[in-house]
Protein backbone atom coordinates (compact mmCIF):
# COMPACT_ATOMS: atom_id res chain seq x y z
CA UNK A 1 0.08 -0.03 0.10
CA UNK A 2 1.64 3.48 -0.75
CA UNK A 3 1.36 6.55 0.96
CA UNK A 4 -0.16 10.15 -0.38
CA UNK A 5 2.36 12.69 -0.21
CA UNK A 6 0.87 14.37 2.83
CA UNK A 7 1.71 10.92 4.98
CA UNK A 8 3.79 11.70 7.69
CA UNK A 9 5.98 10.05 10.12
CA UNK A 10 4.89 11.93 13.73
CA UNK A 11 1.15 12.80 13.14
CA UNK A 12 -1.23 13.53 16.07
CA UNK A 13 -3.16 10.21 16.63
CA UNK A 14 -7.15 10.51 17.87
CA UNK A 15 -7.49 7.59 20.33
CA UNK A 16 -11.46 6.52 19.93
CA UNK A 17 -11.56 3.17 21.29
CA UNK A 18 -14.59 4.14 23.89
CA UNK A 19 -16.17 6.39 21.52
CA UNK A 20 -18.94 4.54 20.40
CA UNK A 21 -19.44 2.95 23.60
CA UNK A 22 -23.11 3.09 24.50
CA UNK A 23 -22.00 3.29 28.25
CA UNK A 24 -22.00 6.88 29.59
CA UNK A 25 -18.20 8.38 29.72
CA UNK A 26 -18.65 9.29 33.25
CA UNK A 27 -19.79 5.75 34.76
CA UNK A 28 -16.88 4.43 32.36
CA UNK A 29 -14.59 7.04 34.02
CA UNK A 30 -15.62 5.87 37.97
CA UNK A 31 -15.11 2.09 36.61
CA UNK A 32 -11.46 2.69 35.31
CA UNK A 33 -10.84 4.89 38.18
CA UNK A 34 -11.91 2.23 40.70
CA UNK A 35 -9.78 -0.61 38.84
CA UNK A 36 -6.84 1.45 38.99
CA UNK A 37 -7.07 2.66 42.03
CA UNK A 38 -7.97 -0.84 43.42
CA UNK A 39 -4.85 -1.93 41.35
CA UNK A 40 -2.73 0.27 43.11
CA UNK A 41 -3.59 -0.25 46.39
CA UNK A 42 -3.77 -4.21 46.10
CA UNK A 43 -0.19 -4.60 44.40
CA UNK A 44 0.99 -1.86 46.69
CA UNK A 45 -0.52 -3.68 50.18
CA UNK A 46 1.46 -7.08 48.67
CA UNK A 47 4.75 -5.37 47.87
CA UNK A 48 4.93 -4.01 51.62
CA UNK A 49 3.23 -7.16 53.25
CA UNK A 50 6.12 -9.47 51.29
CA UNK A 51 8.79 -6.48 52.41
CA UNK A 52 7.87 -6.67 56.26
CA UNK A 53 6.88 -10.07 57.14
CA UNK A 54 9.77 -12.34 57.65
CA UNK A 55 7.78 -15.60 56.73
CA UNK A 56 7.21 -14.28 53.15
CA UNK A 57 10.93 -14.55 52.14
CA UNK A 58 10.83 -17.32 50.09
CA UNK A 59 11.97 -17.34 46.48
CA UNK A 60 8.44 -17.57 45.34
CA UNK A 61 7.31 -14.28 47.33
CA UNK A 62 10.22 -12.71 45.94
CA UNK A 63 9.42 -13.25 42.27
CA UNK A 64 5.53 -12.11 43.33
CA UNK A 65 6.64 -9.04 44.72
CA UNK A 66 8.65 -8.51 41.41
CA UNK A 67 5.71 -9.34 39.59
CA UNK A 68 3.30 -6.74 41.19
CA UNK A 69 5.73 -3.98 40.88
CA UNK A 70 5.24 -5.09 36.82
CA UNK A 71 1.59 -5.05 37.46
CA UNK A 72 1.09 -1.54 38.82
CA UNK A 73 3.51 -0.44 36.00
CA UNK A 74 1.37 -2.25 33.07
CA UNK A 75 -1.73 -0.32 34.75
CA UNK A 76 0.02 2.98 34.93
CA UNK A 77 0.96 2.92 31.61
CA UNK A 78 -2.67 3.11 30.09
CA UNK A 79 -5.36 3.54 32.47
CA UNK A 80 -4.51 7.20 33.51
CA UNK A 81 -4.12 8.33 30.09
CA UNK A 82 -7.64 6.56 29.47
CA UNK A 83 -9.22 8.17 32.30
CA UNK A 84 -7.73 11.60 31.02
CA UNK A 85 -9.56 10.64 27.57
CA UNK A 86 -12.69 9.87 28.65
CA UNK A 87 -12.73 13.39 30.14
CA UNK A 88 -12.46 14.81 27.07
CA UNK A 89 -13.79 15.22 23.54
CA UNK A 90 -10.86 15.16 21.86
CA UNK A 91 -8.67 12.38 22.96
CA UNK A 92 -5.21 13.09 21.20
CA UNK A 93 -2.00 11.63 21.71
CA UNK A 94 1.47 13.03 19.66
CA UNK A 95 3.56 10.51 17.75
CA UNK A 96 6.46 10.85 20.15
CA UNK A 97 3.94 9.96 23.30
CA UNK A 98 2.56 7.11 21.54
CA UNK A 99 5.39 5.75 20.59
CA UNK A 100 6.96 6.01 24.11
CA UNK A 101 3.61 4.73 26.08
CA UNK A 102 4.16 1.98 22.97
CA UNK A 103 7.58 1.07 24.68
CA UNK A 104 6.71 1.11 28.09
CA UNK A 105 3.60 -1.15 27.24
CA UNK A 106 5.41 -3.82 25.78
CA UNK A 107 8.47 -3.44 28.31
CA UNK A 108 6.18 -4.41 31.08
CA UNK A 109 4.07 -6.23 29.46
CA UNK A 110 6.64 -8.62 27.84
CA UNK A 111 8.68 -8.94 31.47
CA UNK A 112 5.42 -9.93 33.06
CA UNK A 113 4.84 -13.20 30.54
CA UNK A 114 8.44 -14.03 31.06
CA UNK A 115 8.13 -13.74 35.03
CA UNK A 116 4.84 -15.55 35.36
CA UNK A 117 6.95 -18.31 33.34
CA UNK A 118 10.10 -18.46 36.00
CA UNK A 119 7.12 -18.24 38.73
CA UNK A 120 6.13 -22.00 37.21
CA UNK A 121 9.70 -22.62 37.21
CA UNK A 122 9.85 -22.12 41.21
CA UNK A 123 6.67 -23.90 41.53
CA UNK A 124 8.13 -27.13 39.63
CA UNK A 125 11.35 -26.84 42.01
CA UNK A 126 9.56 -25.97 45.54
CA UNK A 127 7.15 -29.43 44.58
CA UNK A 128 9.40 -31.85 42.43
CA UNK A 129 12.38 -31.35 44.07
CA UNK A 130 11.79 -30.14 47.57
CA UNK A 131 14.92 -30.94 49.40
CA UNK A 132 16.77 -28.57 46.98
CA UNK A 133 14.58 -26.08 46.73
CA UNK A 134 16.51 -22.98 49.05
CA UNK A 135 19.43 -24.15 47.25
CA UNK A 136 18.39 -24.04 43.42
CA UNK A 137 15.93 -20.91 43.95
CA UNK A 138 18.14 -18.72 45.85
CA UNK A 139 17.86 -15.13 45.99
CA UNK A 140 20.91 -14.34 43.76
CA UNK A 141 19.27 -16.91 40.90
CA UNK A 142 15.78 -15.07 41.62
CA UNK A 143 17.34 -11.54 40.86
CA UNK A 144 19.26 -12.60 38.06
CA UNK A 145 16.28 -14.15 36.45
CA UNK A 146 13.84 -11.01 36.70
CA UNK A 147 17.19 -8.77 35.50
CA UNK A 148 17.17 -11.42 32.81
CA UNK A 149 13.21 -10.94 31.52
CA UNK A 150 13.77 -7.40 31.73
CA UNK A 151 16.39 -7.47 29.54
CA UNK A 152 14.63 -9.49 26.82
CA UNK A 153 11.69 -7.92 27.31
CA UNK A 154 13.55 -4.24 26.47
CA UNK A 155 15.67 -5.81 23.66
CA UNK A 156 11.99 -7.40 22.14
CA UNK A 157 10.37 -3.99 22.37
CA UNK A 158 13.41 -1.84 20.83
CA UNK A 159 12.82 -4.35 17.92
CA UNK A 160 9.21 -3.33 17.42
CA UNK A 161 10.07 0.30 18.34
CA UNK A 162 12.31 0.46 15.56
CA UNK A 163 10.63 -1.21 13.19
CA UNK A 164 7.69 1.43 13.50
CA UNK A 165 9.51 4.25 13.41
CA UNK A 166 10.16 4.16 9.27
CA UNK A 167 6.05 3.69 8.66
CA UNK A 168 3.98 6.73 7.95
CA UNK A 169 0.25 7.56 8.53
CA UNK A 170 -1.99 9.72 6.84
CA UNK A 171 -4.23 11.95 8.80
CA UNK A 172 -8.01 13.57 8.00
CA UNK A 173 -8.37 17.04 7.11
CA UNK A 174 -7.26 18.17 10.85
CA UNK A 175 -4.06 15.97 10.70
CA UNK A 176 -5.32 13.72 13.21
CA UNK A 177 -5.04 9.85 12.65
CA UNK A 178 -7.68 7.98 13.38
CA UNK A 179 -7.02 4.68 16.13
CA UNK A 180 -9.78 2.54 17.25
CA UNK A 181 -8.23 2.10 20.36
CA UNK A 182 -7.76 3.71 23.88
CA UNK A 183 -4.18 3.38 23.97
CA UNK A 184 -1.09 3.02 21.51
CA UNK A 185 -1.10 -0.94 20.53
CA UNK A 186 0.45 -2.75 17.92
CA UNK A 187 -2.31 -3.74 15.88
CA UNK A 188 -4.24 -0.93 15.75
CA UNK A 189 -1.10 1.02 14.67
CA UNK A 190 -0.12 -1.12 11.88
CA UNK A 191 -3.85 -1.15 10.83
CA UNK A 192 -3.85 2.59 10.57
CA UNK A 193 -0.48 3.01 8.53
CA UNK A 194 -0.46 3.66 4.71
CA UNK A 195 3.07 2.18 4.45
CA UNK A 196 3.83 -1.76 3.98
CA UNK A 197 3.86 -3.40 7.29
CA UNK A 198 4.33 -6.95 6.27
CA UNK A 199 7.70 -6.63 8.33
CA UNK A 200 6.11 -5.57 11.16
CA UNK A 201 3.60 -8.62 11.04
CA UNK A 202 6.25 -10.86 10.38
CA UNK A 203 8.50 -9.54 13.29
CA UNK A 204 4.99 -10.27 15.78
CA UNK A 205 4.27 -13.75 14.56
CA UNK A 206 8.06 -15.52 14.50
CA UNK A 207 10.04 -13.40 16.91
CA UNK A 208 7.23 -12.66 18.91
CA UNK A 209 5.48 -15.90 18.68
CA UNK A 210 9.46 -17.41 19.61
CA UNK A 211 9.31 -15.14 22.81
CA UNK A 212 6.02 -16.64 24.02
CA UNK A 213 6.55 -19.61 22.94
CA UNK A 214 9.65 -20.25 25.15
CA UNK A 215 7.53 -19.26 28.33
CA UNK A 216 4.70 -21.28 27.27
CA UNK A 217 7.14 -24.11 26.61
CA UNK A 218 8.22 -24.02 30.28
CA UNK A 219 5.04 -23.63 31.41
CA UNK A 220 3.54 -26.30 30.18
CA UNK A 221 6.83 -28.51 30.92
CA UNK A 222 6.72 -27.43 34.38
CA UNK A 223 3.29 -28.35 35.18
CA UNK A 224 3.50 -31.63 33.56
CA UNK A 225 6.08 -32.64 35.80
CA UNK A 226 4.15 -31.12 38.73
CA UNK A 227 0.79 -33.10 37.82
CA UNK A 228 2.89 -36.21 37.48
CA UNK A 229 4.89 -35.39 41.10
CA UNK A 230 1.31 -34.68 42.66
CA UNK A 231 -0.59 -37.95 41.53
CA UNK A 232 2.66 -39.90 42.86
CA UNK A 233 2.17 -38.22 46.67
CA UNK A 234 1.18 -40.86 49.03
CA UNK A 235 -1.67 -38.80 51.19
CA UNK A 236 -4.83 -36.95 49.89
CA UNK A 237 -4.01 -33.66 52.02
CA UNK A 238 -0.43 -33.69 50.41
CA UNK A 239 -2.14 -33.61 46.64
CA UNK A 240 -4.72 -30.98 48.27
CA UNK A 241 -1.98 -28.44 49.19
CA UNK A 242 0.40 -28.80 46.30
CA UNK A 243 -2.64 -28.27 44.18
CA UNK A 244 -3.43 -25.28 45.95
CA UNK A 245 -0.12 -23.60 45.71
CA UNK A 246 -0.46 -24.08 41.73
CA UNK A 247 -3.82 -22.62 41.16
CA UNK A 248 -3.37 -18.90 41.87
CA UNK A 249 -0.41 -19.14 39.36
CA UNK A 250 -2.24 -21.25 36.81
CA UNK A 251 -5.12 -19.11 37.03
CA UNK A 252 -3.16 -15.63 36.00
CA UNK A 253 -1.54 -18.10 32.96
CA UNK A 254 -4.73 -18.51 31.55
CA UNK A 255 -6.10 -14.77 31.95
CA UNK A 256 -2.85 -12.94 30.89
CA UNK A 257 -1.31 -15.67 28.15
CA UNK A 258 -4.90 -16.28 26.88
CA UNK A 259 -5.71 -12.78 25.94
CA UNK A 260 -2.34 -12.17 24.31
CA UNK A 261 -2.17 -14.97 22.11
CA UNK A 262 -6.13 -13.93 21.12
CA UNK A 263 -5.21 -10.22 20.22
CA UNK A 264 -1.28 -10.85 18.69
CA UNK A 265 -0.92 -14.31 17.08
CA UNK A 266 -4.37 -14.22 15.18
CA UNK A 267 -3.79 -13.20 11.63
CA UNK A 268 -5.80 -9.61 11.51
CA UNK A 269 -8.72 -10.75 9.48
CA UNK A 270 -9.51 -13.40 12.35
CA UNK A 271 -10.45 -10.94 15.20
CA UNK A 272 -12.83 -7.39 15.31
CA UNK A 273 -11.13 -4.39 16.63
CA UNK A 274 -14.34 -4.89 19.68
CA UNK A 275 -12.62 -8.41 20.08
CA UNK A 276 -9.20 -6.66 20.83
CA UNK A 277 -10.38 -4.38 22.97
CA UNK A 278 -12.27 -6.62 25.08
CA UNK A 279 -9.11 -8.18 25.52
CA UNK A 280 -6.78 -5.67 25.84
CA UNK A 281 -8.86 -4.40 28.82
CA UNK A 282 -8.56 -7.81 30.20
CA UNK A 283 -4.89 -7.90 30.19
CA UNK A 284 -4.10 -3.91 30.78
CA UNK A 285 -6.61 -3.58 33.53
CA UNK A 286 -8.44 -6.89 35.10
CA UNK A 287 -5.12 -9.18 35.02
CA UNK A 288 -2.92 -6.56 37.07
CA UNK A 289 -5.48 -5.78 39.38
CA UNK A 290 -7.11 -9.70 40.06
CA UNK A 291 -3.22 -10.50 40.77
CA UNK A 292 -2.73 -9.36 44.17
CA UNK A 293 -6.32 -10.66 44.94
CA UNK A 294 -5.87 -13.85 43.56
CA UNK A 295 -2.37 -14.50 45.23
CA UNK A 296 -3.60 -13.42 48.59
CA UNK A 297 -7.26 -15.23 49.07
CA UNK A 298 -5.96 -18.33 47.80
CA UNK A 299 -2.37 -18.24 49.81
CA UNK A 300 -2.55 -19.18 53.98
CA UNK A 301 0.72 -17.89 54.46
CA UNK A 302 -0.01 -14.58 53.04
CA UNK A 303 -3.56 -14.54 54.68
CA UNK A 304 -2.49 -15.29 57.95
CA UNK A 305 0.67 -11.82 57.55
CA UNK A 306 -2.46 -9.70 56.38
CA UNK A 307 -4.54 -10.99 59.79
CA UNK A 308 -1.91 -10.41 61.87
CA UNK A 309 -0.83 -6.90 60.57
CA UNK A 310 -4.75 -5.86 60.66
CA UNK A 311 -4.92 -7.54 64.51
CA UNK A 312 -2.25 -5.07 65.25
CA UNK A 313 0.22 -7.51 65.65
CA UNK A 314 3.98 -7.14 65.10
CA UNK A 315 4.42 -8.29 61.49
CA UNK A 316 7.48 -10.65 60.81
CA UNK A 317 7.36 -11.79 64.49
């Protein structure tokens, strides 16, 4: 597809994701404000609880604290801007800020997927090799795995930002490019571009697919071995305890990976813009909100530490 002479590398984008919503914007504003504040309060509370309580110092909680920080970043990249745009009749964003949002959204999002995979490895070692768990999953290894996740994520994001920079967009009479989304996501930007985006699509499918395949493979293999180990446990109580330690993680794996695969790894013609929007709300708003509550409500150690804190007991005693 060729571009018109008035095409630009740095247009102003008009984010129209909720412009056709039948729900009043005032109600959407209250809904997303509640989601965002609950996300921040829930994740900050979990981070502080893990940092303060000496009983929550195992590798699993170290990784969970890192995941909570990432989830707060993922929500903060998108939801405050959405709240601002819900109160505006003309929700615009300049190209430079759009690409910055794109960069940070993908940096946090990809790191989230990698850390979730690392947490599957942690559960595998804890259940399949409990005698060596403290030795294998030590604090230094966890820190290195978290740092490696960030490095891989940033390199991946820089590749896709670099592929977007040469693209051009044609604006309307006012010079604005309409994006039927509530933030600068990959698919809407490519759909709106007048440039040839085949290299971007190939990078999403092959490089992005390879990046997703590794963590997905690690998660599947870890839980196959975990399932086999649980079935061999002699007592029903032991099996229930082992399953309960994995239930929260599996719930989040289904939420996060399911929506990402739905949006990014189908051919563009197979999913509508409305479906993309629903999936995007799931992984930018609902999953970061759900993480601290799912892990807290299903975890006896976290619930015990929280009860002790709320009961004015000394945390860590």
